[in-house]
């Protein structure tokens, strides 16, 4: 009986050969070929020239700004994303469906429009900027504005990875812990948090990686000042606009390596966490 049902489930899609072939073809066209083109363009540079490009003062400045603001954006999304996922799963309130639908808006909204909206709100004459700047809080054309733009475009990742895990958690264990005298914080720390941590970590890593590559929302609110508010993606665009394709590819390769290492580290931590949970 079990083997028959397994054969039925496997037979919903075409056979392994066709399915695997279509999957590999898609991955080659969509992912592998663009990455290969970038690697080949970077390889056209000599090592000395490559190192000179990626370690120039301007490039190093963009790395610091990009990584710093992406880290801030990720901290914002990790904190508020976890809280919002918790509220959407554990509570019922008017407007819940509306808020749940608005979470995915950054995915559908063109990032350039998001940047224009943020400038309208936080510029010196904007809705909030006109009150914030006299208090010494400068958002538009400052690193803080870049972090907010990154946080806006990458906000759904933490929420959408944690939310389904919270929904699938059975409350039997929580109720048992309550009967044993556990406090709410103890229940969250020892029962809920270990269960949602892999999803939370994955969402945070995706948020960070998405922030590293953000361009459209940043280009309007950052001011694009070299050594002050210039991010790496903007410098790549400038090099492309100058038809300096090898330099653009070299800078993009650095960010690709950083994002890949970040995701690889996250996967290793998740695997360790799952093995630890199984042993426990």
C-alpha atoms as a PDB file:
ATOM      1  CA  UNK A   1       0.000   0.000   0.000  1.00  0.00           C
ATOM      2  CA  UNK A   2       2.771   2.448   0.908  1.00  0.00           C
ATOM      3  CA  UNK A   3       4.808   1.737  -2.226  1.00  0.00           C
ATOM      4  CA  UNK A   4       1.732   2.158  -4.424  1.00  0.00           C
ATOM      5  CA  UNK A   5       0.903   5.560  -2.957  1.00  0.00           C
ATOM      6  CA  UNK A   6       4.545   6.548  -3.331  1.00  0.00           C
ATOM      7  CA  UNK A   7       4.458   5.624  -7.013  1.00  0.00           C
ATOM      8  CA  UNK A   8       1.309   7.686  -7.455  1.00  0.00           C
ATOM      9  CA  UNK A   9       2.887  10.730  -5.844  1.00  0.00           C
ATOM     10  CA  UNK A  10       6.001  10.390  -7.960  1.00  0.00           C
ATOM     11  CA  UNK A  11       3.950   9.974 -11.118  1.00  0.00           C
ATOM     12  CA  UNK A  12       2.133  13.299 -10.877  1.00  0.00           C
ATOM     13  CA  UNK A  13       4.888  14.986 -12.904  1.00  0.00           C
ATOM     14  CA  UNK A  14       6.784  13.489 -15.881  1.00  0.00           C
ATOM     15  CA  UNK A  15       9.568  10.970 -15.303  1.00  0.00           C
ATOM     16  CA  UNK A  16      12.845  11.756 -13.629  1.00  0.00           C
ATOM     17  CA  UNK A  17      14.718  12.255 -16.892  1.00  0.00           C
ATOM     18  CA  UNK A  18      12.349  14.855 -18.312  1.00  0.00           C
ATOM     19  CA  UNK A  19      11.822  16.627 -14.995  1.00  0.00           C
ATOM     20  CA  UNK A  20      15.531  16.798 -14.216  1.00  0.00           C
ATOM     21  CA  UNK A  21      16.361  17.875 -17.765  1.00  0.00           C
ATOM     22  CA  UNK A  22      13.872  20.758 -17.725  1.00  0.00           C
ATOM     23  CA  UNK A  23      15.083  21.811 -14.257  1.00  0.00           C
ATOM     24  CA  UNK A  24      18.744  21.818 -15.281  1.00  0.00           C
ATOM     25  CA  UNK A  25      17.973  23.674 -18.515  1.00  0.00           C
ATOM     26  CA  UNK A  26      16.109  26.344 -16.570  1.00  0.00           C
ATOM     27  CA  UNK A  27      18.955  26.692 -14.049  1.00  0.00           C
ATOM     28  CA  UNK A  28      21.541  26.948 -16.812  1.00  0.00           C
ATOM     29  CA  UNK A  29      19.672  29.639 -18.751  1.00  0.00           C
ATOM     30  CA  UNK A  30      18.471  31.717 -15.808  1.00  0.00           C
ATOM     31  CA  UNK A  31      21.326  31.328 -13.305  1.00  0.00           C
ATOM     32  CA  UNK A  32      24.440  29.652 -14.666  1.00  0.00           C
ATOM     33  CA  UNK A  33      24.891  31.544 -17.951  1.00  0.00           C
ATOM     34  CA  UNK A  34      24.683  35.068 -16.444  1.00  0.00           C
ATOM     35  CA  UNK A  35      27.063  34.059 -13.652  1.00  0.00           C
ATOM     36  CA  UNK A  36      29.432  32.444 -16.155  1.00  0.00           C
ATOM     37  CA  UNK A  37      29.407  35.604 -18.284  1.00  0.00           C
ATOM     38  CA  UNK A  38      30.314  37.680 -15.228  1.00  0.00           C
ATOM     39  CA  UNK A  39      33.105  35.281 -14.249  1.00  0.00           C
ATOM     40  CA  UNK A  40      34.540  35.296 -17.767  1.00  0.00           C
ATOM     41  CA  UNK A  41      34.422  39.086 -17.943  1.00  0.00           C
ATOM     42  CA  UNK A  42      36.188  39.275 -14.586  1.00  0.00           C
ATOM     43  CA  UNK A  43      38.737  36.698 -15.743  1.00  0.00           C
ATOM     44  CA  UNK A  44      39.706  39.011 -18.608  1.00  0.00           C
ATOM     45  CA  UNK A  45      41.404  41.146 -15.969  1.00  0.00           C
ATOM     46  CA  UNK A  46      44.791  40.229 -14.634  1.00  0.00           C
ATOM     47  CA  UNK A  47      45.075  39.540 -10.916  1.00  0.00           C
ATOM     48  CA  UNK A  48      46.892  42.813 -10.283  1.00  0.00           C
ATOM     49  CA  UNK A  49      44.284  44.825 -12.168  1.00  0.00           C
ATOM     50  CA  UNK A  50      41.409  42.967 -10.474  1.00  0.00           C
ATOM     51  CA  UNK A  51      42.897  43.573  -7.032  1.00  0.00           C
ATOM     52  CA  UNK A  52      43.486  47.229  -7.830  1.00  0.00           C
ATOM     53  CA  UNK A  53      39.834  47.678  -8.820  1.00  0.00           C
ATOM     54  CA  UNK A  54      38.234  45.882  -5.889  1.00  0.00           C
ATOM     55  CA  UNK A  55      40.540  47.437  -3.272  1.00  0.00           C
ATOM     56  CA  UNK A  56      40.459  51.029  -4.507  1.00  0.00           C
ATOM     57  CA  UNK A  57      39.536  53.652  -1.923  1.00  0.00           C
ATOM     58  CA  UNK A  58      36.195  54.290  -3.600  1.00  0.00           C
ATOM     59  CA  UNK A  59      35.341  50.582  -3.786  1.00  0.00           C
ATOM     60  CA  UNK A  60      36.290  49.989  -0.144  1.00  0.00           C
ATOM     61  CA  UNK A  61      34.113  52.916   0.864  1.00  0.00           C
ATOM     62  CA  UNK A  62      31.132  51.415  -0.963  1.00  0.00           C
ATOM     63  CA  UNK A  63      31.715  48.056   0.763  1.00  0.00           C
ATOM     64  CA  UNK A  64      31.660  49.687   4.184  1.00  0.00           C
ATOM     65  CA  UNK A  65      28.504  51.651   3.438  1.00  0.00           C
ATOM     66  CA  UNK A  66      26.739  48.715   1.790  1.00  0.00           C
ATOM     67  CA  UNK A  67      27.586  46.146   4.466  1.00  0.00           C
ATOM     68  CA  UNK A  68      26.897  48.539   7.328  1.00  0.00           C
ATOM     69  CA  UNK A  69      23.508  49.709   6.088  1.00  0.00           C
ATOM     70  CA  UNK A  70      22.540  46.162   5.043  1.00  0.00           C
ATOM     71  CA  UNK A  71      23.343  44.954   8.561  1.00  0.00           C
ATOM     72  CA  UNK A  72      21.171  47.709  10.063  1.00  0.00           C
ATOM     73  CA  UNK A  73      18.325  46.896   7.667  1.00  0.00           C
ATOM     74  CA  UNK A  74      18.598  43.207   8.544  1.00  0.00           C
ATOM     75  CA  UNK A  75      18.463  43.942  12.275  1.00  0.00           C
ATOM     76  CA  UNK A  76      15.343  46.048  11.715  1.00  0.00           C
ATOM     77  CA  UNK A  77      13.669  43.363   9.634  1.00  0.00           C
ATOM     78  CA  UNK A  78      14.707  40.560  11.990  1.00  0.00           C
ATOM     79  CA  UNK A  79      13.229  42.337  15.020  1.00  0.00           C
ATOM     80  CA  UNK A  80      10.019  43.738  13.589  1.00  0.00           C
ATOM     81  CA  UNK A  81       9.559  40.839  11.163  1.00  0.00           C
ATOM     82  CA  UNK A  82       9.522  38.324  14.004  1.00  0.00           C
ATOM     83  CA  UNK A  83       7.096  40.458  16.011  1.00  0.00           C
ATOM     84  CA  UNK A  84       4.768  40.991  13.051  1.00  0.00           C
ATOM     85  CA  UNK A  85       4.789  37.287  12.161  1.00  0.00           C
ATOM     86  CA  UNK A  86       3.944  36.496  15.782  1.00  0.00           C
ATOM     87  CA  UNK A  87       1.051  38.977  15.852  1.00  0.00           C
ATOM     88  CA  UNK A  88      -0.388  37.754  12.544  1.00  0.00           C
ATOM     89  CA  UNK A  89      -0.336  34.120  13.680  1.00  0.00           C
ATOM     90  CA  UNK A  90      -1.311  34.394  17.336  1.00  0.00           C
ATOM     91  CA  UNK A  91      -3.907  37.193  17.345  1.00  0.00           C
ATOM     92  CA  UNK A  92      -7.124  38.135  15.578  1.00  0.00           C
ATOM     93  CA  UNK A  93      -7.898  41.823  15.042  1.00  0.00           C
ATOM     94  CA  UNK A  94      -9.658  44.091  12.525  1.00  0.00           C
ATOM     95  CA  UNK A  95      -7.561  44.734   9.419  1.00  0.00           C
ATOM     96  CA  UNK A  96      -5.446  41.594   9.841  1.00  0.00           C
ATOM     97  CA  UNK A  97      -6.004  40.449   6.243  1.00  0.00           C
ATOM     98  CA  UNK A  98      -5.136  43.915   4.940  1.00  0.00           C
ATOM     99  CA  UNK A  99      -1.839  43.986   6.853  1.00  0.00           C
ATOM    100  CA  UNK A 100      -1.068  40.438   5.752  1.00  0.00           C
ATOM    101  CA  UNK A 101      -1.571  41.486   2.131  1.00  0.00           C
ATOM    102  CA  UNK A 102       0.490  44.658   2.463  1.00  0.00           C
ATOM    103  CA  UNK A 103       3.510  42.648   3.619  1.00  0.00           C
ATOM    104  CA  UNK A 104       4.138  41.440   0.067  1.00  0.00           C
ATOM    105  CA  UNK A 105       3.830  44.943  -1.406  1.00  0.00           C
ATOM    106  CA  UNK A 106       7.637  45.474  -1.612  1.00  0.00           C
ATOM    107  CA  UNK A 107       7.813  42.427  -3.897  1.00  0.00           C
ATOM    108  CA  UNK A 108       5.232  43.865  -6.297  1.00  0.00           C
ATOM    109  CA  UNK A 109       6.155  47.552  -6.096  1.00  0.00           C
ATOM    110  CA  UNK A 110       8.947  48.742  -8.415  1.00  0.00           C
ATOM    111  CA  UNK A 111      11.874  49.686  -6.210  1.00  0.00           C
ATOM    112  CA  UNK A 112      12.307  53.021  -7.989  1.00  0.00           C
ATOM    113  CA  UNK A 113       8.787  53.988  -6.921  1.00  0.00           C
ATOM    114  CA  UNK A 114       9.636  52.940  -3.383  1.00  0.00           C
ATOM    115  CA  UNK A 115      12.679  55.212  -3.487  1.00  0.00           C
ATOM    116  CA  UNK A 116      10.621  58.159  -4.706  1.00  0.00           C
ATOM    117  CA  UNK A 117       8.055  57.541  -1.977  1.00  0.00           C
ATOM    118  CA  UNK A 118      10.762  57.466   0.697  1.00  0.00           C
ATOM    119  CA  UNK A 119      12.237  60.728  -0.598  1.00  0.00           C
ATOM    120  CA  UNK A 120       8.772  62.311  -0.509  1.00  0.00           C
ATOM    121  CA  UNK A 121       8.386  61.274   3.111  1.00  0.00           C
ATOM    122  CA  UNK A 122      11.895  61.859   4.496  1.00  0.00           C
ATOM    123  CA  UNK A 123      13.388  64.707   2.446  1.00  0.00           C
ATOM    124  CA  UNK A 124      13.986  68.078   4.062  1.00  0.00           C
ATOM    125  CA  UNK A 125      10.569  69.295   2.924  1.00  0.00           C
ATOM    126  CA  UNK A 126       8.907  65.880   3.233  1.00  0.00           C
ATOM    127  CA  UNK A 127       6.064  64.818   5.471  1.00  0.00           C
ATOM    128  CA  UNK A 128       8.340  63.602   8.261  1.00  0.00           C
ATOM    129  CA  UNK A 129      11.669  65.052   7.168  1.00  0.00           C
ATOM    130  CA  UNK A 130      10.570  68.618   7.829  1.00  0.00           C
ATOM    131  CA  UNK A 131      10.207  67.712  11.497  1.00  0.00           C
ATOM    132  CA  UNK A 132      13.128  65.269  11.811  1.00  0.00           C
ATOM    133  CA  UNK A 133      15.925  67.335  10.236  1.00  0.00           C
ATOM    134  CA  UNK A 134      15.545  70.305  12.633  1.00  0.00           C
ATOM    135  CA  UNK A 135      16.080  67.765  15.432  1.00  0.00           C
ATOM    136  CA  UNK A 136      19.323  66.631  13.797  1.00  0.00           C
ATOM    137  CA  UNK A 137      17.912  63.383  12.351  1.00  0.00           C
ATOM    138  CA  UNK A 138      18.850  63.321   8.679  1.00  0.00           C
ATOM    139  CA  UNK A 139      17.403  60.417   6.714  1.00  0.00           C
ATOM    140  CA  UNK A 140      17.270  61.430   3.057  1.00  0.00           C
ATOM    141  CA  UNK A 141      20.726  61.595   1.401  1.00  0.00           C
ATOM    142  CA  UNK A 142      22.293  59.898   4.426  1.00  0.00           C
ATOM    143  CA  UNK A 143      23.261  56.319   5.394  1.00  0.00           C
ATOM    144  CA  UNK A 144      20.151  56.057   7.563  1.00  0.00           C
ATOM    145  CA  UNK A 145      17.997  56.593   4.482  1.00  0.00           C
ATOM    146  CA  UNK A 146      19.873  53.822   2.678  1.00  0.00           C
ATOM    147  CA  UNK A 147      19.208  51.441   5.577  1.00  0.00           C
ATOM    148  CA  UNK A 148      15.500  52.320   5.566  1.00  0.00           C
ATOM    149  CA  UNK A 149      15.282  51.762   1.806  1.00  0.00           C
ATOM    150  CA  UNK A 150      16.985  48.378   2.177  1.00  0.00           C
ATOM    151  CA  UNK A 151      14.693  47.454   5.066  1.00  0.00           C
ATOM    152  CA  UNK A 152      11.619  48.358   3.018  1.00  0.00           C
ATOM    153  CA  UNK A 153      12.534  46.253  -0.008  1.00  0.00           C
ATOM    154  CA  UNK A 154      13.625  43.211   2.045  1.00  0.00           C
ATOM    155  CA  UNK A 155      10.986  43.350   4.790  1.00  0.00           C
ATOM    156  CA  UNK A 156       8.855  40.354   3.697  1.00  0.00           C
ATOM    157  CA  UNK A 157      11.631  37.754   3.925  1.00  0.00           C
ATOM    158  CA  UNK A 158      11.700  37.282   7.692  1.00  0.00           C
ATOM    159  CA  UNK A 159       7.931  37.485   8.038  1.00  0.00           C
ATOM    160  CA  UNK A 160       7.167  35.010   5.269  1.00  0.00           C
ATOM    161  CA  UNK A 161       9.730  32.455   6.463  1.00  0.00           C
ATOM    162  CA  UNK A 162       8.762  32.558  10.150  1.00  0.00           C
ATOM    163  CA  UNK A 163       4.989  32.857   9.699  1.00  0.00           C
ATOM    164  CA  UNK A 164       4.282  29.361   8.274  1.00  0.00           C
ATOM    165  CA  UNK A 165       6.505  27.727  10.906  1.00  0.00           C
ATOM    166  CA  UNK A 166       4.569  29.454  13.684  1.00  0.00           C
ATOM    167  CA  UNK A 167       1.297  28.381  12.088  1.00  0.00           C
ATOM    168  CA  UNK A 168       2.402  24.733  12.032  1.00  0.00           C
ATOM    169  CA  UNK A 169       3.526  24.672  15.661  1.00  0.00           C
ATOM    170  CA  UNK A 170       1.277  22.600  17.863  1.00  0.00           C
ATOM    171  CA  UNK A 171       0.247  24.296  21.083  1.00  0.00           C
ATOM    172  CA  UNK A 172       0.133  20.997  22.987  1.00  0.00           C
ATOM    173  CA  UNK A 173       3.720  21.371  24.177  1.00  0.00           C
ATOM    174  CA  UNK A 174       3.120  24.978  25.216  1.00  0.00           C
ATOM    175  CA  UNK A 175       0.067  23.965  27.220  1.00  0.00           C
ATOM    176  CA  UNK A 176       2.026  21.182  28.876  1.00  0.00           C
ATOM    177  CA  UNK A 177       4.765  23.648  29.811  1.00  0.00           C
ATOM    178  CA  UNK A 178       2.176  25.996  31.293  1.00  0.00           C
ATOM    179  CA  UNK A 179       0.754  23.239  33.463  1.00  0.00           C
ATOM    180  CA  UNK A 180       4.287  22.595  34.738  1.00  0.00           C
ATOM    181  CA  UNK A 181       4.603  26.239  35.780  1.00  0.00           C
ATOM    182  CA  UNK A 182       6.687  27.611  32.923  1.00  0.00           C
ATOM    183  CA  UNK A 183       6.403  31.330  32.324  1.00  0.00           C
ATOM    184  CA  UNK A 184       5.626  32.775  28.867  1.00  0.00           C
ATOM    185  CA  UNK A 185       9.229  33.884  28.315  1.00  0.00           C
ATOM    186  CA  UNK A 186      10.522  30.444  29.315  1.00  0.00           C
ATOM    187  CA  UNK A 187       8.090  28.791  26.912  1.00  0.00           C
ATOM    188  CA  UNK A 188       9.233  31.023  24.088  1.00  0.00           C
ATOM    189  CA  UNK A 189      12.933  30.580  24.845  1.00  0.00           C
ATOM    190  CA  UNK A 190      13.009  26.812  25.362  1.00  0.00           C
ATOM    191  CA  UNK A 191      10.167  25.583  23.135  1.00  0.00           C
ATOM    192  CA  UNK A 192       9.161  28.068  20.448  1.00  0.00           C
ATOM    193  CA  UNK A 193      12.496  29.722  19.652  1.00  0.00           C
ATOM    194  CA  UNK A 194      14.420  26.511  18.858  1.00  0.00           C
ATOM    195  CA  UNK A 195      11.621  25.515  16.468  1.00  0.00           C
ATOM    196  CA  UNK A 196      11.499  28.790  14.544  1.00  0.00           C
ATOM    197  CA  UNK A 197      15.214  29.621  14.670  1.00  0.00           C
ATOM    198  CA  UNK A 198      16.172  27.918  11.363  1.00  0.00           C
ATOM    199  CA  UNK A 199      13.385  29.777   9.523  1.00  0.00           C
ATOM    200  CA  UNK A 200      14.245  33.030  11.289  1.00  0.00           C
ATOM    201  CA  UNK A 201      17.908  32.663  10.350  1.00  0.00           C
ATOM    202  CA  UNK A 202      17.045  31.857   6.736  1.00  0.00           C
ATOM    203  CA  UNK A 203      14.761  34.883   6.465  1.00  0.00           C
ATOM    204  CA  UNK A 204      17.379  37.168   7.988  1.00  0.00           C
ATOM    205  CA  UNK A 205      20.059  35.874   5.615  1.00  0.00           C
ATOM    206  CA  UNK A 206      17.793  36.390   2.606  1.00  0.00           C
ATOM    207  CA  UNK A 207      16.992  39.887   3.847  1.00  0.00           C
ATOM    208  CA  UNK A 208      20.702  40.681   4.151  1.00  0.00           C
ATOM    209  CA  UNK A 209      21.507  39.265   0.709  1.00  0.00           C
ATOM    210  CA  UNK A 210      18.606  41.195  -0.832  1.00  0.00           C
ATOM    211  CA  UNK A 211      19.818  44.402   0.792  1.00  0.00           C
ATOM    212  CA  UNK A 212      23.316  43.953  -0.623  1.00  0.00           C
ATOM    213  CA  UNK A 213      21.992  44.050  -4.172  1.00  0.00           C
ATOM    214  CA  UNK A 214      19.381  46.790  -3.778  1.00  0.00           C
ATOM    215  CA  UNK A 215      19.680  49.636  -6.267  1.00  0.00           C
ATOM    216  CA  UNK A 216      16.377  51.173  -7.360  1.00  0.00           C
ATOM    217  CA  UNK A 217      15.155  52.358  -3.972  1.00  0.00           C
ATOM    218  CA  UNK A 218      18.604  53.526  -2.884  1.00  0.00           C
ATOM    219  CA  UNK A 219      19.529  55.591  -5.920  1.00  0.00           C
ATOM    220  CA  UNK A 220      16.890  58.214  -5.087  1.00  0.00           C
ATOM    221  CA  UNK A 221      17.235  58.509  -1.332  1.00  0.00           C
ATOM    222  CA  UNK A 222      21.008  58.127  -0.956  1.00  0.00           C
ATOM    223  CA  UNK A 223      22.178  61.214  -2.856  1.00  0.00           C
ATOM    224  CA  UNK A 224      24.902  59.030  -4.427  1.00  0.00           C
ATOM    225  CA  UNK A 225      27.790  60.920  -2.856  1.00  0.00           C
ATOM    226  CA  UNK A 226      31.136  59.109  -3.261  1.00  0.00           C
ATOM    227  CA  UNK A 227      32.700  58.120   0.079  1.00  0.00           C
ATOM    228  CA  UNK A 228      29.511  59.175   1.885  1.00  0.00           C
ATOM    229  CA  UNK A 229      26.347  57.568   0.509  1.00  0.00           C
ATOM    230  CA  UNK A 230      27.522  55.575  -2.507  1.00  0.00           C
ATOM    231  CA  UNK A 231      26.747  51.837  -2.371  1.00  0.00           C
ATOM    232  CA  UNK A 232      28.456  49.116  -4.386  1.00  0.00           C
ATOM    233  CA  UNK A 233      25.498  48.469  -6.690  1.00  0.00           C
ATOM    234  CA  UNK A 234      25.538  52.138  -7.686  1.00  0.00           C
ATOM    235  CA  UNK A 235      29.271  52.032  -8.381  1.00  0.00           C
ATOM    236  CA  UNK A 236      28.685  48.973 -10.572  1.00  0.00           C
ATOM    237  CA  UNK A 237      26.031  50.928 -12.483  1.00  0.00           C
ATOM    238  CA  UNK A 238      28.432  53.868 -12.912  1.00  0.00           C
ATOM    239  CA  UNK A 239      31.110  51.572 -14.321  1.00  0.00           C
ATOM    240  CA  UNK A 240      28.572  50.089 -16.734  1.00  0.00           C
ATOM    241  CA  UNK A 241      27.503  53.578 -17.771  1.00  0.00           C
ATOM    242  CA  UNK A 242      31.166  54.288 -18.512  1.00  0.00           C
ATOM    243  CA  UNK A 243      31.356  51.070 -20.592  1.00  0.00           C
ATOM    244  CA  UNK A 244      33.954  49.741 -18.154  1.00  0.00           C
ATOM    245  CA  UNK A 245      32.452  46.249 -18.105  1.00  0.00           C
ATOM    246  CA  UNK A 246      35.446  44.411 -16.552  1.00  0.00           C
ATOM    247  CA  UNK A 247      35.483  46.779 -13.568  1.00  0.00           C
ATOM    248  CA  UNK A 248      31.727  46.424 -13.117  1.00  0.00           C
ATOM    249  CA  UNK A 249      32.055  42.636 -13.250  1.00  0.00           C
ATOM    250  CA  UNK A 250      34.894  42.683 -10.710  1.00  0.00           C
ATOM    251  CA  UNK A 251      32.875  44.729  -8.215  1.00  0.00           C
ATOM    252  CA  UNK A 252      29.817  42.561  -8.786  1.00  0.00           C
ATOM    253  CA  UNK A 253      31.935  39.463  -8.206  1.00  0.00           C
ATOM    254  CA  UNK A 254      32.938  40.741  -4.767  1.00  0.00           C
ATOM    255  CA  UNK A 255      29.316  41.229  -3.742  1.00  0.00           C
ATOM    256  CA  UNK A 256      28.386  37.844  -5.197  1.00  0.00           C
ATOM    257  CA  UNK A 257      31.073  36.149  -3.106  1.00  0.00           C
ATOM    258  CA  UNK A 258      29.923  37.968   0.046  1.00  0.00           C
ATOM    259  CA  UNK A 259      26.282  36.988  -0.522  1.00  0.00           C
ATOM    260  CA  UNK A 260      27.244  33.384  -1.292  1.00  0.00           C
ATOM    261  CA  UNK A 261      29.376  33.058   1.831  1.00  0.00           C
ATOM    262  CA  UNK A 262      26.562  34.552   3.881  1.00  0.00           C
ATOM    263  CA  UNK A 263      24.012  32.055   2.572  1.00  0.00           C
ATOM    264  CA  UNK A 264      26.469  29.157   2.903  1.00  0.00           C
ATOM    265  CA  UNK A 265      27.175  30.038   6.520  1.00  0.00           C
ATOM    266  CA  UNK A 266      23.454  30.280   7.187  1.00  0.00           C
ATOM    267  CA  UNK A 267      22.824  26.839   5.698  1.00  0.00           C
ATOM    268  CA  UNK A 268      25.606  25.330   7.807  1.00  0.00           C
ATOM    269  CA  UNK A 269      24.173  26.893  10.966  1.00  0.00           C
ATOM    270  CA  UNK A 270      20.705  25.615  10.069  1.00  0.00           C
ATOM    271  CA  UNK A 271      22.040  22.099   9.501  1.00  0.00           C
ATOM    272  CA  UNK A 272      23.860  22.194  12.854  1.00  0.00           C
ATOM    273  CA  UNK A 273      20.717  23.464  14.576  1.00  0.00           C
ATOM    274  CA  UNK A 274      18.588  20.667  13.105  1.00  0.00           C
ATOM    275  CA  UNK A 275      21.107  17.993  14.136  1.00  0.00           C
ATOM    276  CA  UNK A 276      21.272  19.476  17.631  1.00  0.00           C
ATOM    277  CA  UNK A 277      17.468  19.507  17.871  1.00  0.00           C
ATOM    278  CA  UNK A 278      17.282  15.869  16.757  1.00  0.00           C
ATOM    279  CA  UNK A 279      19.840  14.788  19.380  1.00  0.00           C
ATOM    280  CA  UNK A 280      17.979  16.722  22.046  1.00  0.00           C
END
